[in-house]
Amino acid sequence: MLEKLKEKYIFFDVDGTLSEYRYNDKLYSGACPELGCQTLEDLLFSNLFSKARPLKTMQKIVSNLDSNKVFVLGTIVTNNEIEQKYSWLKKNYSTIKKENICFISNTMLKPEVIIEYCKHLNIKKEDVVFVDDRLDILRKAEELGITSYHPSSFME
């Protein structure tokens, strides 16, 4: 897989892609299904994300890529979460440049955001890869002509 990424601009999701999708040893909190495994209280006031487990396979992949071509395209709910994710990425994926990190509030906009980055940076869509753990967003990206992979594609 590393060879498929070598000359590409790669946009990685965070939760469930660069990190395990599990917080406080839960997959879902049950309190608010829209928030997944976090509670609104956690997102607003805790330091929950800083304890997320980085995925070693993804760390190895990212560390072997051109840092100028590696981007993070994640979603957030609160400003507290943004700061935690910046710190977590710096600690666990130190080669990713802060200026290549983008957080948005709606996962379904990721393919359109990638297309805007292509326009802004004068990159051909054929030179872009998107890695995310949500199949619905991967399908949408592929329908728009963006090569897309699920994290399972990187597992040995």
Protein backbone atom coordinates (compact mmCIF):
# COMPACT_ATOMS: atom_id res chain seq x y z
CA MET A 1 0.00 0.00 0.00
CA LEU A 2 2.84 2.37 0.75
CA GLU A 3 3.86 2.30 -2.91
CA LYS A 4 0.34 3.37 -3.95
CA LEU A 5 0.67 6.46 -1.74
CA LYS A 6 4.28 7.50 -2.46
CA GLU A 7 3.66 10.28 -5.01
CA LYS A 8 0.12 11.18 -3.88
CA TYR A 9 -1.39 13.85 -1.67
CA ILE A 10 -3.09 11.92 1.12
CA PHE A 11 -5.96 13.14 3.28
CA PHE A 12 -6.33 11.11 6.50
CA ASP A 13 -9.27 11.11 8.86
CA VAL A 14 -8.40 11.00 12.58
CA ASP A 15 -10.99 9.09 14.66
CA GLY A 16 -10.96 5.45 13.62
CA THR A 17 -8.25 6.02 11.00
CA LEU A 18 -5.16 7.44 12.71
CA SER A 19 -6.50 6.54 16.15
CA GLU A 20 -8.58 3.75 17.56
CA TYR A 21 -12.27 4.61 17.57
CA ARG A 22 -12.89 3.88 21.23
CA TYR A 23 -12.98 6.23 24.22
CA ASN A 24 -13.35 5.30 27.90
CA ASP A 25 -13.31 1.72 26.62
CA LYS A 26 -16.62 2.23 24.77
CA LEU A 27 -17.62 2.23 21.14
CA TYR A 28 -20.78 4.24 21.82
CA SER A 29 -21.71 6.28 24.86
CA GLY A 30 -25.45 5.76 24.42
CA ALA A 31 -26.11 9.29 25.67
CA CYS A 32 -26.28 10.88 22.23
CA PRO A 33 -25.87 8.60 19.19
CA GLU A 34 -24.77 11.52 17.01
CA LEU A 35 -21.63 11.88 19.15
CA GLY A 36 -20.53 8.25 18.93
CA CYS A 37 -18.51 7.07 21.89
CA GLN A 38 -18.06 10.49 23.50
CA THR A 39 -20.58 12.39 25.56
CA LEU A 40 -21.21 16.08 25.06
CA GLU A 41 -19.75 16.65 28.52
CA ASP A 42 -16.56 14.86 27.44
CA LEU A 43 -16.29 16.89 24.24
CA LEU A 44 -16.81 20.17 26.06
CA PHE A 45 -14.84 19.69 29.25
CA SER A 46 -12.64 16.60 29.37
CA ASN A 47 -9.26 15.63 28.02
CA LEU A 48 -10.67 12.44 26.54
CA PHE A 49 -9.07 12.53 23.09
CA SER A 50 -5.54 12.96 24.40
CA LYS A 51 -5.80 9.37 25.68
CA ALA A 52 -6.71 7.91 22.28
CA ARG A 53 -4.57 5.00 21.12
CA PRO A 54 -2.66 5.75 17.91
CA LEU A 55 -2.64 2.98 15.33
CA LYS A 56 0.93 1.77 14.86
CA THR A 57 0.40 0.66 11.26
CA MET A 58 -0.85 4.12 10.34
CA GLN A 59 2.04 5.76 12.22
CA LYS A 60 4.48 3.70 10.17
CA ILE A 61 2.74 4.60 6.90
CA VAL A 62 2.56 8.33 7.67
CA SER A 63 6.19 8.47 8.78
CA ASN A 64 7.26 7.07 5.40
CA LEU A 65 5.37 9.66 3.33
CA ASP A 66 6.38 13.11 2.11
CA SER A 67 5.21 15.41 4.94
CA ASN A 68 4.39 18.12 2.38
CA LYS A 69 1.78 15.80 0.89
CA VAL A 70 0.18 14.47 4.08
CA PHE A 71 -3.01 16.14 5.27
CA VAL A 72 -5.43 15.54 8.10
CA LEU A 73 -9.10 16.09 7.39
CA GLY A 74 -11.00 15.44 10.59
CA THR A 75 -14.32 16.38 12.10
CA ILE A 76 -14.95 18.13 15.40
CA VAL A 77 -17.88 19.13 17.55
CA THR A 78 -16.26 21.58 20.01
CA ASN A 79 -13.23 23.86 20.20
CA ASN A 80 -11.98 21.79 23.16
CA GLU A 81 -11.73 18.81 20.83
CA ILE A 82 -9.70 20.80 18.27
CA GLU A 83 -6.95 21.67 20.74
CA GLN A 84 -6.77 18.09 22.00
CA LYS A 85 -6.50 16.72 18.47
CA TYR A 86 -3.75 19.19 17.52
CA SER A 87 -1.76 18.12 20.59
CA TRP A 88 -2.45 14.44 19.99
CA LEU A 89 -1.37 14.67 16.35
CA LYS A 90 1.83 16.51 17.30
CA LYS A 91 2.66 13.80 19.84
CA ASN A 92 1.70 10.74 17.77
CA TYR A 93 2.19 11.91 14.17
CA SER A 94 4.93 14.50 14.51
CA THR A 95 5.71 14.62 10.78
CA ILE A 96 2.27 16.05 9.95
CA LYS A 97 2.51 19.81 9.55
CA LYS A 98 -0.01 21.91 11.47
CA GLU A 99 -0.79 23.90 8.32
CA ASN A 100 -1.87 20.62 6.68
CA ILE A 101 -4.49 19.90 9.34
CA CYS A 102 -8.10 20.84 8.68
CA PHE A 103 -11.07 20.22 10.97
CA ILE A 104 -14.63 20.57 9.73
CA SER A 105 -17.98 20.11 11.44
CA ASN A 106 -19.65 17.80 8.90
CA THR A 107 -18.07 14.54 7.78
CA MET A 108 -20.18 14.41 4.64
CA LEU A 109 -18.40 17.54 3.34
CA LYS A 110 -14.98 15.87 3.27
CA PRO A 111 -14.98 15.02 -0.47
CA GLU A 112 -15.94 18.59 -1.36
CA VAL A 113 -13.25 19.93 0.98
CA ILE A 114 -10.67 17.73 -0.77
CA ILE A 115 -11.81 19.06 -4.14
CA GLU A 116 -11.42 22.63 -2.87
CA TYR A 117 -7.90 21.81 -1.65
CA CYS A 118 -7.13 20.44 -5.11
CA LYS A 119 -8.26 23.70 -6.69
CA HIS A 120 -6.44 25.85 -4.15
CA LEU A 121 -3.16 23.91 -4.33
CA ASN A 122 -3.43 23.20 -8.07
CA ILE A 123 -3.48 19.43 -7.57
CA LYS A 124 -5.14 16.97 -9.94
CA LYS A 125 -7.80 14.75 -8.34
CA GLU A 126 -5.91 11.78 -9.77
CA ASP A 127 -2.99 12.70 -7.48
CA VAL A 128 -5.11 12.55 -4.31
CA VAL A 129 -5.94 9.70 -1.94
CA PHE A 130 -8.49 9.83 0.86
CA VAL A 131 -8.32 7.49 3.89
CA ASP A 132 -11.32 7.33 6.20
CA ASP A 133 -13.14 4.70 8.24
CA ARG A 134 -16.68 5.61 7.14
CA LEU A 135 -17.90 3.71 4.11
CA ASP A 136 -20.61 6.23 3.25
CA ILE A 137 -18.08 9.03 2.89
CA LEU A 138 -15.61 6.81 1.03
CA ARG A 139 -18.32 5.92 -1.51
CA LYS A 140 -19.19 9.57 -1.97
CA ALA A 141 -15.52 10.46 -2.49
CA GLU A 142 -15.08 7.70 -5.06
CA GLU A 143 -18.20 8.85 -6.90
CA LEU A 144 -16.51 12.26 -7.17
CA GLY A 145 -13.35 10.70 -8.61
CA ILE A 146 -11.20 10.62 -5.45
CA THR A 147 -9.26 7.39 -4.83
CA SER A 148 -10.35 6.22 -1.40
CA TYR A 149 -9.25 3.60 1.11
CA HIS A 150 -10.58 2.24 4.37
CA PRO A 151 -7.93 1.76 7.13
CA SER A 152 -8.37 -1.99 6.77
CA SER A 153 -6.58 -1.72 3.41
CA PHE A 154 -3.39 -0.99 5.35
CA MET A 155 -3.57 -3.89 7.79
CA GLU A 156 -1.26 -6.86 7.28
